Amino acid sequence: MLDCDDFLLRFDVDVEGLGGLPRVEQALRTAVEQAESLCPDHLAPDWVVADLALYRLYSQAASEDVRNRYNEAVKFLRHLDEGTIEPASPTPNVLFSSGRRWC
């Protein structure tokens, strides 16, 4: 399950410099909502939610790598929604799901 601790272990982010833990939690929730809107019939993998959240945390100051990862995550969700790719085997759920199972 992708929670703030898991997210922070994946990325070396300055939590306080980005507005504190509540901002990280909000970025994760917003990322889940974005994934749901782009691909409502499928579960979003953790890496997709993490890349969407990371982009939201850095906003205008996102590096090229963070922007590229965000764009790839969005593209993945669109292809998944269109059925041009198949989802991989399930991975752990994301904590901030809004009533939907996310992997």
PDB file of N, CA and C in Angstrom:
ATOM      1  N   MET A   1       0.839  -1.178   0.000  1.00  0.00           N
ATOM      2  CA  MET A   1       0.000   0.000   0.000  1.00  0.00           C
ATOM      3  C   MET A   1       0.892   1.251   0.000  1.00  0.00           C
ATOM      4  N   LEU A   2       0.718   2.102  -0.985  1.00  0.00           N
ATOM      5  CA  LEU A   2       1.532   3.310  -1.080  1.00  0.00           C
ATOM      6  C   LEU A   2       0.995   4.361  -0.126  1.00  0.00           C
ATOM      7  N   ASP A   3       1.760   4.627   0.912  1.00  0.00           N
ATOM      8  CA  ASP A   3       1.388   5.684   1.845  1.00  0.00           C
ATOM      9  C   ASP A   3       2.527   6.703   1.860  1.00  0.00           C
ATOM     10  N   CYS A   4       2.420   7.677   2.707  1.00  0.00           N
ATOM     11  CA  CYS A   4       3.448   8.733   2.743  1.00  0.00           C
ATOM     12  C   CYS A   4       4.830   8.168   3.044  1.00  0.00           C
ATOM     13  N   ASP A   5       4.910   7.233   3.970  1.00  0.00           N
ATOM     14  CA  ASP A   5       6.213   6.657   4.310  1.00  0.00           C
ATOM     15  C   ASP A   5       6.828   5.946   3.108  1.00  0.00           C
ATOM     16  N   ASP A   6       6.021   5.142   2.409  1.00  0.00           N
ATOM     17  CA  ASP A   6       6.520   4.450   1.223  1.00  0.00           C
ATOM     18  C   ASP A   6       6.957   5.457   0.157  1.00  0.00           C
ATOM     19  N   PHE A   7       6.142   6.471  -0.029  1.00  0.00           N
ATOM     20  CA  PHE A   7       6.458   7.495  -1.015  1.00  0.00           C
ATOM     21  C   PHE A   7       7.783   8.183  -0.676  1.00  0.00           C
ATOM     22  N   LEU A   8       7.949   8.548   0.585  1.00  0.00           N
ATOM     23  CA  LEU A   8       9.162   9.246   1.002  1.00  0.00           C
ATOM     24  C   LEU A   8      10.394   8.351   0.920  1.00  0.00           C
ATOM     25  N   LEU A   9      10.214   7.035   1.079  1.00  0.00           N
ATOM     26  CA  LEU A   9      11.333   6.112   0.914  1.00  0.00           C
ATOM     27  C   LEU A   9      11.761   6.003  -0.544  1.00  0.00           C
ATOM     28  N   ARG A  10      10.809   6.144  -1.466  1.00  0.00           N
ATOM     29  CA  ARG A  10      11.117   6.051  -2.888  1.00  0.00           C
ATOM     30  C   ARG A  10      11.835   7.289  -3.409  1.00  0.00           C
ATOM     31  N   PHE A  11      11.509   8.423  -2.841  1.00  0.00           N
ATOM     32  CA  PHE A  11      12.034   9.686  -3.350  1.00  0.00           C
ATOM     33  C   PHE A  11      12.706  10.461  -2.227  1.00  0.00           C
ATOM     34  N   ASP A  12      13.816  11.058  -2.551  1.00  0.00           N
ATOM     35  CA  ASP A  12      14.540  11.876  -1.589  1.00  0.00           C
ATOM     36  C   ASP A  12      13.991  13.296  -1.681  1.00  0.00           C
ATOM     37  N   VAL A  13      12.901  13.548  -0.951  1.00  0.00           N
ATOM     38  CA  VAL A  13      12.270  14.866  -1.005  1.00  0.00           C
ATOM     39  C   VAL A  13      12.441  15.579   0.325  1.00  0.00           C
ATOM     40  N   ASP A  14      12.569  16.875   0.252  1.00  0.00           N
ATOM     41  CA  ASP A  14      12.661  17.711   1.443  1.00  0.00           C
ATOM     42  C   ASP A  14      11.231  18.034   1.873  1.00  0.00           C
ATOM     43  N   VAL A  15      10.694  17.221   2.778  1.00  0.00           N
ATOM     44  CA  VAL A  15       9.295  17.349   3.178  1.00  0.00           C
ATOM     45  C   VAL A  15       8.997  18.735   3.712  1.00  0.00           C
ATOM     46  N   GLU A  16       9.829  19.233   4.570  1.00  0.00           N
ATOM     47  CA  GLU A  16       9.583  20.563   5.149  1.00  0.00           C
ATOM     48  C   GLU A  16       9.704  21.651   4.093  1.00  0.00           C
ATOM     49  N   GLY A  17      10.663  21.503   3.196  1.00  0.00           N
ATOM     50  CA  GLY A  17      10.832  22.491   2.136  1.00  0.00           C
ATOM     51  C   GLY A  17       9.676  22.506   1.138  1.00  0.00           C
ATOM     52  N   LEU A  18       8.945  21.391   1.084  1.00  0.00           N
ATOM     53  CA  LEU A  18       7.802  21.306   0.174  1.00  0.00           C
ATOM     54  C   LEU A  18       6.477  21.611   0.854  1.00  0.00           C
ATOM     55  N   GLY A  19       6.523  22.012   2.105  1.00  0.00           N
ATOM     56  CA  GLY A  19       5.285  22.381   2.788  1.00  0.00           C
ATOM     57  C   GLY A  19       4.845  21.415   3.864  1.00  0.00           C
ATOM     58  N   GLY A  20       5.648  20.411   4.160  1.00  0.00           N
ATOM     59  CA  GLY A  20       5.326  19.494   5.247  1.00  0.00           C
ATOM     60  C   GLY A  20       4.556  18.258   4.803  1.00  0.00           C
ATOM     61  N   LEU A  21       4.377  17.347   5.743  1.00  0.00           N
ATOM     62  CA  LEU A  21       3.713  16.087   5.483  1.00  0.00           C
ATOM     63  C   LEU A  21       2.279  16.245   4.975  1.00  0.00           C
ATOM     64  N   PRO A  22       1.493  17.209   5.471  1.00  0.00           N
ATOM     65  CA  PRO A  22       0.141  17.373   4.924  1.00  0.00           C
ATOM     66  C   PRO A  22       0.136  17.646   3.412  1.00  0.00           C
ATOM     67  N   ARG A  23       1.130  18.361   2.936  1.00  0.00           N
ATOM     68  CA  ARG A  23       1.202  18.641   1.497  1.00  0.00           C
ATOM     69  C   ARG A  23       1.523  17.376   0.711  1.00  0.00           C
ATOM     70  N   VAL A  24       2.373  16.511   1.274  1.00  0.00           N
ATOM     71  CA  VAL A  24       2.678  15.235   0.629  1.00  0.00           C
ATOM     72  C   VAL A  24       1.421  14.374   0.572  1.00  0.00           C
ATOM     73  N   GLU A  25       0.700  14.313   1.682  1.00  0.00           N
ATOM     74  CA  GLU A  25      -0.538  13.534   1.723  1.00  0.00           C
ATOM     75  C   GLU A  25      -1.548  14.065   0.709  1.00  0.00           C
ATOM     76  N   GLN A  26      -1.665  15.367   0.603  1.00  0.00           N
ATOM     77  CA  GLN A  26      -2.585  15.968  -0.366  1.00  0.00           C
ATOM     78  C   GLN A  26      -2.160  15.652  -1.791  1.00  0.00           C
ATOM     79  N   ALA A  27      -0.866  15.699  -2.059  1.00  0.00           N
ATOM     80  CA  ALA A  27      -0.375  15.376  -3.405  1.00  0.00           C
ATOM     81  C   ALA A  27      -0.713  13.931  -3.769  1.00  0.00           C
ATOM     82  N   LEU A  28      -0.596  13.021  -2.810  1.00  0.00           N
ATOM     83  CA  LEU A  28      -0.951  11.620  -3.070  1.00  0.00           C
ATOM     84  C   LEU A  28      -2.446  11.467  -3.322  1.00  0.00           C
ATOM     85  N   ARG A  29      -3.259  12.130  -2.526  1.00  0.00           N
ATOM     86  CA  ARG A  29      -4.717  12.059  -2.744  1.00  0.00           C
ATOM     87  C   ARG A  29      -5.100  12.622  -4.112  1.00  0.00           C
ATOM     88  N   THR A  30      -4.504  13.746  -4.465  1.00  0.00           N
ATOM     89  CA  THR A  30      -4.793  14.370  -5.755  1.00  0.00           C
ATOM     90  C   THR A  30      -4.326  13.478  -6.902  1.00  0.00           C
ATOM     91  N   ALA A  31      -3.192  12.822  -6.724  1.00  0.00           N
ATOM     92  CA  ALA A  31      -2.692  11.905  -7.750  1.00  0.00           C
ATOM     93  C   ALA A  31      -3.657  10.743  -7.962  1.00  0.00           C
ATOM     94  N   VAL A  32      -4.206  10.209  -6.886  1.00  0.00           N
ATOM     95  CA  VAL A  32      -5.180   9.118  -7.002  1.00  0.00           C
ATOM     96  C   VAL A  32      -6.416   9.612  -7.747  1.00  0.00           C
ATOM     97  N   GLU A  33      -6.891  10.800  -7.399  1.00  0.00           N
ATOM     98  CA  GLU A  33      -8.066  11.365  -8.084  1.00  0.00           C
ATOM     99  C   GLU A  33      -7.792  11.575  -9.571  1.00  0.00           C
ATOM    100  N   GLN A  34      -6.603  12.049  -9.900  1.00  0.00           N
ATOM    101  CA  GLN A  34      -6.247  12.248 -11.299  1.00  0.00           C
ATOM    102  C   GLN A  34      -6.201  10.909 -12.030  1.00  0.00           C
ATOM    103  N   ALA A  35      -5.609   9.907 -11.408  1.00  0.00           N
ATOM    104  CA  ALA A  35      -5.545   8.582 -12.029  1.00  0.00           C
ATOM    105  C   ALA A  35      -6.951   8.024 -12.246  1.00  0.00           C
ATOM    106  N   GLU A  36      -7.833   8.213 -11.273  1.00  0.00           N
ATOM    107  CA  GLU A  36      -9.219   7.754 -11.420  1.00  0.00           C
ATOM    108  C   GLU A  36      -9.917   8.453 -12.584  1.00  0.00           C
ATOM    109  N   SER A  37      -9.667   9.732 -12.749  1.00  0.00           N
ATOM    110  CA  SER A  37     -10.345  10.475 -13.818  1.00  0.00           C
ATOM    111  C   SER A  37      -9.807  10.089 -15.193  1.00  0.00           C
ATOM    112  N   LEU A  38      -8.529   9.770 -15.288  1.00  0.00           N
ATOM    113  CA  LEU A  38      -7.941   9.398 -16.573  1.00  0.00           C
ATOM    114  C   LEU A  38      -8.234   7.955 -16.954  1.00  0.00           C
ATOM    115  N   CYS A  39      -8.407   7.115 -15.956  1.00  0.00           N
ATOM    116  CA  CYS A  39      -8.578   5.682 -16.212  1.00  0.00           C
ATOM    117  C   CYS A  39      -9.538   5.100 -15.180  1.00  0.00           C
ATOM    118  N   PRO A  40     -10.831   5.419 -15.282  1.00  0.00           N
ATOM    119  CA  PRO A  40     -11.782   5.047 -14.232  1.00  0.00           C
ATOM    120  C   PRO A  40     -12.061   3.558 -14.093  1.00  0.00           C
ATOM    121  N   ASP A  41     -11.775   2.769 -15.114  1.00  0.00           N
ATOM    122  CA  ASP A  41     -12.129   1.354 -15.064  1.00  0.00           C
ATOM    123  C   ASP A  41     -10.977   0.427 -14.682  1.00  0.00           C
ATOM    124  N   HIS A  42      -9.829   0.991 -14.361  1.00  0.00           N
ATOM    125  CA  HIS A  42      -8.663   0.166 -14.033  1.00  0.00           C
ATOM    126  C   HIS A  42      -7.985   0.669 -12.769  1.00  0.00           C
ATOM    127  N   LEU A  43      -7.170  -0.185 -12.210  1.00  0.00           N
ATOM    128  CA  LEU A  43      -6.395   0.164 -11.026  1.00  0.00           C
ATOM    129  C   LEU A  43      -5.072   0.786 -11.463  1.00  0.00           C
ATOM    130  N   ALA A  44      -4.697   1.871 -10.846  1.00  0.00           N
ATOM    131  CA  ALA A  44      -3.430   2.528 -11.175  1.00  0.00           C
ATOM    132  C   ALA A  44      -2.305   1.925 -10.340  1.00  0.00           C
ATOM    133  N   PRO A  45      -1.213   1.513 -10.987  1.00  0.00           N
ATOM    134  CA  PRO A  45      -0.069   0.997 -10.234  1.00  0.00           C
ATOM    135  C   PRO A  45       0.544   2.070  -9.327  1.00  0.00           C
ATOM    136  N   ASP A  46       1.206   1.625  -8.281  1.00  0.00           N
ATOM    137  CA  ASP A  46       1.857   2.546  -7.340  1.00  0.00           C
ATOM    138  C   ASP A  46       2.790   3.521  -8.043  1.00  0.00           C
ATOM    139  N   TRP A  47       3.572   3.021  -9.010  1.00  0.00           N
ATOM    140  CA  TRP A  47       4.548   3.900  -9.663  1.00  0.00           C
ATOM    141  C   TRP A  47       3.858   5.059 -10.374  1.00  0.00           C
ATOM    142  N   VAL A  48       2.670   4.812 -10.914  1.00  0.00           N
ATOM    143  CA  VAL A  48       1.933   5.870 -11.601  1.00  0.00           C
ATOM    144  C   VAL A  48       1.490   6.928 -10.598  1.00  0.00           C
ATOM    145  N   VAL A  49       0.882   6.484  -9.509  1.00  0.00           N
ATOM    146  CA  VAL A  49       0.419   7.416  -8.478  1.00  0.00           C
ATOM    147  C   VAL A  49       1.601   8.186  -7.892  1.00  0.00           C
ATOM    148  N   ALA A  50       2.714   7.503  -7.673  1.00  0.00           N
ATOM    149  CA  ALA A  50       3.896   8.160  -7.115  1.00  0.00           C
ATOM    150  C   ALA A  50       4.430   9.233  -8.062  1.00  0.00           C
ATOM    151  N   ASP A  51       4.494   8.922  -9.356  1.00  0.00           N
ATOM    152  CA  ASP A  51       5.005   9.909 -10.312  1.00  0.00           C
ATOM    153  C   ASP A  51       4.066  11.097 -10.468  1.00  0.00           C
ATOM    154  N   LEU A  52       2.763  10.854 -10.428  1.00  0.00           N
ATOM    155  CA  LEU A  52       1.805  11.966 -10.474  1.00  0.00           C
ATOM    156  C   LEU A  52       1.947  12.851  -9.236  1.00  0.00           C
ATOM    157  N   ALA A  53       2.093  12.224  -8.082  1.00  0.00           N
ATOM    158  CA  ALA A  53       2.216  12.968  -6.823  1.00  0.00           C
ATOM    159  C   ALA A  53       3.517  13.767  -6.786  1.00  0.00           C
ATOM    160  N   LEU A  54       4.599  13.167  -7.232  1.00  0.00           N
ATOM    161  CA  LEU A  54       5.895  13.859  -7.223  1.00  0.00           C
ATOM    162  C   LEU A  54       5.831  15.126  -8.077  1.00  0.00           C
ATOM    163  N   TYR A  55       5.213  15.020  -9.237  1.00  0.00           N
ATOM    164  CA  TYR A  55       5.056  16.189 -10.101  1.00  0.00           C
ATOM    165  C   TYR A  55       4.248  17.278  -9.401  1.00  0.00           C
ATOM    166  N   ARG A  56       3.183  16.887  -8.739  1.00  0.00           N
ATOM    167  CA  ARG A  56       2.342  17.862  -8.032  1.00  0.00           C
ATOM    168  C   ARG A  56       3.111  18.542  -6.900  1.00  0.00           C
ATOM    169  N   LEU A  57       3.978  17.810  -6.242  1.00  0.00           N
ATOM    170  CA  LEU A  57       4.755  18.401  -5.149  1.00  0.00           C
ATOM    171  C   LEU A  57       5.698  19.488  -5.652  1.00  0.00           C
ATOM    172  N   TYR A  58       6.309  19.246  -6.795  1.00  0.00           N
ATOM    173  CA  TYR A  58       7.294  20.195  -7.299  1.00  0.00           C
ATOM    174  C   TYR A  58       6.698  21.282  -8.171  1.00  0.00           C
ATOM    175  N   SER A  59       5.500  21.098  -8.667  1.00  0.00           N
ATOM    176  CA  SER A  59       4.787  22.094  -9.465  1.00  0.00           C
ATOM    177  C   SER A  59       5.686  22.707 -10.532  1.00  0.00           C
ATOM    178  N   GLN A  60       5.807  24.011 -10.504  1.00  0.00           N
ATOM    179  CA  GLN A  60       6.582  24.741 -11.507  1.00  0.00           C
ATOM    180  C   GLN A  60       8.081  24.470 -11.429  1.00  0.00           C
ATOM    181  N   ALA A  61       8.562  23.984 -10.286  1.00  0.00           N
ATOM    182  CA  ALA A  61       9.994  23.740 -10.114  1.00  0.00           C
ATOM    183  C   ALA A  61      10.386  22.300 -10.448  1.00  0.00           C
ATOM    184  N   ALA A  62       9.494  21.539 -11.077  1.00  0.00           N
ATOM    185  CA  ALA A  62       9.779  20.145 -11.399  1.00  0.00           C
ATOM    186  C   ALA A  62      10.936  20.055 -12.396  1.00  0.00           C
ATOM    187  N   SER A  63      11.825  19.113 -12.136  1.00  0.00           N
ATOM    188  CA  SER A  63      12.939  18.884 -13.054  1.00  0.00           C
ATOM    189  C   SER A  63      12.426  18.239 -14.336  1.00  0.00           C
ATOM    190  N   GLU A  64      13.271  18.186 -15.321  1.00  0.00           N
ATOM    191  CA  GLU A  64      12.886  17.540 -16.578  1.00  0.00           C
ATOM    192  C   GLU A  64      12.549  16.071 -16.338  1.00  0.00           C
ATOM    193  N   ASP A  65      13.312  15.400 -15.480  1.00  0.00           N
ATOM    194  CA  ASP A  65      13.048  14.001 -15.157  1.00  0.00           C
ATOM    195  C   ASP A  65      11.657  13.827 -14.533  1.00  0.00           C
ATOM    196  N   VAL A  66      11.314  14.690 -13.578  1.00  0.00           N
ATOM    197  CA  VAL A  66      10.004  14.613 -12.928  1.00  0.00           C
ATOM    198  C   VAL A  66       8.896  14.886 -13.936  1.00  0.00           C
ATOM    199  N   ARG A  67       9.081  15.858 -14.811  1.00  0.00           N
ATOM    200  CA  ARG A  67       8.077  16.154 -15.853  1.00  0.00           C
ATOM    201  C   ARG A  67       7.917  14.976 -16.813  1.00  0.00           C
ATOM    202  N   ASN A  68       9.046  14.372 -17.210  1.00  0.00           N
ATOM    203  CA  ASN A  68       8.982  13.219 -18.105  1.00  0.00           C
ATOM    204  C   ASN A  68       8.270  12.041 -17.454  1.00  0.00           C
ATOM    205  N   ARG A  69       8.565  11.791 -16.179  1.00  0.00           N
ATOM    206  CA  ARG A  69       7.900  10.694 -15.466  1.00  0.00           C
ATOM    207  C   ARG A  69       6.405  10.953 -15.360  1.00  0.00           C
ATOM    208  N   TYR A  70       6.024  12.196 -15.099  1.00  0.00           N
ATOM    209  CA  TYR A  70       4.609  12.565 -15.035  1.00  0.00           C
ATOM    210  C   TYR A  70       3.933  12.302 -16.389  1.00  0.00           C
ATOM    211  N   ASN A  71       4.569  12.777 -17.458  1.00  0.00           N
ATOM    212  CA  ASN A  71       3.993  12.595 -18.796  1.00  0.00           C
ATOM    213  C   ASN A  71       3.858  11.115 -19.147  1.00  0.00           C
ATOM    214  N   GLU A  72       4.842  10.307 -18.783  1.00  0.00           N
ATOM    215  CA  GLU A  72       4.764   8.865 -19.041  1.00  0.00           C
ATOM    216  C   GLU A  72       3.649   8.216 -18.219  1.00  0.00           C
ATOM    217  N   ALA A  73       3.458   8.661 -16.996  1.00  0.00           N
ATOM    218  CA  ALA A  73       2.385   8.120 -16.157  1.00  0.00           C
ATOM    219  C   ALA A  73       1.019   8.451 -16.757  1.00  0.00           C
ATOM    220  N   VAL A  74       0.841   9.681 -17.206  1.00  0.00           N
ATOM    221  CA  VAL A  74      -0.424  10.084 -17.834  1.00  0.00           C
ATOM    222  C   VAL A  74      -0.645   9.282 -19.116  1.00  0.00           C
ATOM    223  N   LYS A  75       0.400   9.141 -19.918  1.00  0.00           N
ATOM    224  CA  LYS A  75       0.284   8.377 -21.162  1.00  0.00           C
ATOM    225  C   LYS A  75      -0.079   6.921 -20.862  1.00  0.00           C
ATOM    226  N   PHE A  76       0.546   6.338 -19.854  1.00  0.00           N
ATOM    227  CA  PHE A  76       0.236   4.963 -19.456  1.00  0.00           C
ATOM    228  C   PHE A  76      -1.243   4.823 -19.103  1.00  0.00           C
ATOM    229  N   LEU A  77      -1.756   5.751 -18.286  1.00  0.00           N
ATOM    230  CA  LEU A  77      -3.165   5.681 -17.879  1.00  0.00           C
ATOM    231  C   LEU A  77      -4.102   5.816 -19.074  1.00  0.00           C
ATOM    232  N   ARG A  78      -3.775   6.680 -19.996  1.00  0.00           N
ATOM    233  CA  ARG A  78      -4.620   6.844 -21.188  1.00  0.00           C
ATOM    234  C   ARG A  78      -4.633   5.577 -22.041  1.00  0.00           C
ATOM    235  N   HIS A  79      -3.454   4.969 -22.219  1.00  0.00           N
ATOM    236  CA  HIS A  79      -3.384   3.717 -22.978  1.00  0.00           C
ATOM    237  C   HIS A  79      -4.128   2.596 -22.252  1.00  0.00           C
ATOM    238  N   LEU A  80      -4.006   2.553 -20.957  1.00  0.00           N
ATOM    239  CA  LEU A  80      -4.716   1.546 -20.173  1.00  0.00           C
ATOM    240  C   LEU A  80      -6.223   1.733 -20.314  1.00  0.00           C
ATOM    241  N   ASP A  81      -6.674   2.964 -20.260  1.00  0.00           N
ATOM    242  CA  ASP A  81      -8.098   3.258 -20.394  1.00  0.00           C
ATOM    243  C   ASP A  81      -8.612   2.911 -21.789  1.00  0.00           C
ATOM    244  N   GLU A  82      -7.798   3.152 -22.803  1.00  0.00           N
ATOM    245  CA  GLU A  82      -8.188   2.856 -24.186  1.00  0.00           C
ATOM    246  C   GLU A  82      -8.114   1.370 -24.506  1.00  0.00           C
ATOM    247  N   GLY A  83      -7.447   0.610 -23.637  1.00  0.00           N
ATOM    248  CA  GLY A  83      -7.306  -0.824 -23.870  1.00  0.00           C
ATOM    249  C   GLY A  83      -6.166  -1.188 -24.788  1.00  0.00           C
ATOM    250  N   THR A  84      -5.285  -0.238 -25.090  1.00  0.00           N
ATOM    251  CA  THR A  84      -4.156  -0.532 -25.967  1.00  0.00           C
ATOM    252  C   THR A  84      -3.009  -1.204 -25.217  1.00  0.00           C
ATOM    253  N   ILE A  85      -3.071  -1.217 -23.896  1.00  0.00           N
ATOM    254  CA  ILE A  85      -2.149  -1.999 -23.079  1.00  0.00           C
ATOM    255  C   ILE A  85      -2.968  -2.726 -22.020  1.00  0.00           C
ATOM    256  N   GLU A  86      -2.410  -3.795 -21.507  1.00  0.00           N
ATOM    257  CA  GLU A  86      -3.064  -4.572 -20.459  1.00  0.00           C
ATOM    258  C   GLU A  86      -2.382  -4.280 -19.130  1.00  0.00           C
ATOM    259  N   PRO A  87      -3.167  -4.246 -18.058  1.00  0.00           N
ATOM    260  CA  PRO A  87      -2.547  -4.044 -16.740  1.00  0.00           C
ATOM    261  C   PRO A  87      -1.688  -5.245 -16.361  1.00  0.00           C
ATOM    262  N   ALA A  88      -0.625  -4.977 -15.645  1.00  0.00           N
ATOM    263  CA  ALA A  88       0.247  -6.040 -15.141  1.00  0.00           C
ATOM    264  C   ALA A  88      -0.422  -6.701 -13.951  1.00  0.00           C
ATOM    265  N   SER A  89       0.265  -7.666 -13.391  1.00  0.00           N
ATOM    266  CA  SER A  89      -0.286  -8.332 -12.211  1.00  0.00           C
ATOM    267  C   SER A  89      -0.440  -7.315 -11.087  1.00  0.00           C
ATOM    268  N   PRO A  90      -1.418  -7.517 -10.211  1.00  0.00           N
ATOM    269  CA  PRO A  90      -1.687  -6.543  -9.152  1.00  0.00           C
ATOM    270  C   PRO A  90      -0.487  -6.309  -8.235  1.00  0.00           C
ATOM    271  N   THR A  91      -0.382  -5.078  -7.800  1.00  0.00           N
ATOM    272  CA  THR A  91       0.607  -4.683  -6.804  1.00  0.00           C
ATOM    273  C   THR A  91      -0.163  -4.140  -5.615  1.00  0.00           C
ATOM    274  N   PRO A  92       0.494  -3.828  -4.521  1.00  0.00           N
ATOM    275  CA  PRO A  92      -0.242  -3.366  -3.337  1.00  0.00           C
ATOM    276  C   PRO A  92      -1.109  -2.146  -3.598  1.00  0.00           C
ATOM    277  N   ASN A  93      -2.172  -2.036  -2.844  1.00  0.00           N
ATOM    278  CA  ASN A  93      -3.115  -0.924  -2.981  1.00  0.00           C
ATOM    279  C   ASN A  93      -2.509   0.387  -2.517  1.00  0.00           C
ATOM    280  N   VAL A  94      -3.038   1.467  -3.043  1.00  0.00           N
ATOM    281  CA  VAL A  94      -2.662   2.804  -2.610  1.00  0.00           C
ATOM    282  C   VAL A  94      -3.568   3.191  -1.450  1.00  0.00           C
ATOM    283  N   LEU A  95      -3.014   3.781  -0.435  1.00  0.00           N
ATOM    284  CA  LEU A  95      -3.748   4.122   0.773  1.00  0.00           C
ATOM    285  C   LEU A  95      -4.860   5.127   0.539  1.00  0.00           C
ATOM    286  N   PHE A  96      -4.658   6.111  -0.321  1.00  0.00           N
ATOM    287  CA  PHE A  96      -5.590   7.217  -0.438  1.00  0.00           C
ATOM    288  C   PHE A  96      -6.667   6.994  -1.495  1.00  0.00           C
ATOM    289  N   SER A  97      -7.102   5.773  -1.655  1.00  0.00           N
ATOM    290  CA  SER A  97      -8.162   5.487  -2.609  1.00  0.00           C
ATOM    291  C   SER A  97      -9.475   6.084  -2.141  1.00  0.00           C
ATOM    292  N   SER A  98     -10.251   6.546  -3.088  1.00  0.00           N
ATOM    293  CA  SER A  98     -11.553   7.103  -2.744  1.00  0.00           C
ATOM    294  C   SER A  98     -12.625   6.047  -3.009  1.00  0.00           C
ATOM    295  N   GLY A  99     -12.552   4.954  -2.254  1.00  0.00           N
ATOM    296  CA  GLY A  99     -13.531   3.901  -2.369  1.00  0.00           C
ATOM    297  C   GLY A  99     -13.238   2.914  -3.466  1.00  0.00           C
ATOM    298  N   ARG A 100     -12.126   3.018  -4.117  1.00  0.00           N
ATOM    299  CA  ARG A 100     -11.753   2.154  -5.226  1.00  0.00           C
ATOM    300  C   ARG A 100     -10.422   1.484  -4.911  1.00  0.00           C
ATOM    301  N   ARG A 101     -10.270   0.234  -5.272  1.00  0.00           N
ATOM    302  CA  ARG A 101      -8.985  -0.445  -5.056  1.00  0.00           C
ATOM    303  C   ARG A 101      -7.976   0.021  -6.070  1.00  0.00           C
ATOM    304  N   TRP A 102      -6.847   0.472  -5.606  1.00  0.00           N
ATOM    305  CA  TRP A 102      -5.749   0.885  -6.491  1.00  0.00           C
ATOM    306  C   TRP A 102      -4.568  -0.016  -6.236  1.00  0.00           C
ATOM    307  N   CYS A 103      -3.892  -0.398  -7.298  1.00  0.00           N
ATOM    308  CA  CYS A 103      -2.682  -1.177  -7.078  1.00  0.00           C
ATOM    309  C   CYS A 103      -1.476  -0.402  -7.467  1.00  0.00           C
TER     310      CYS A 103
END
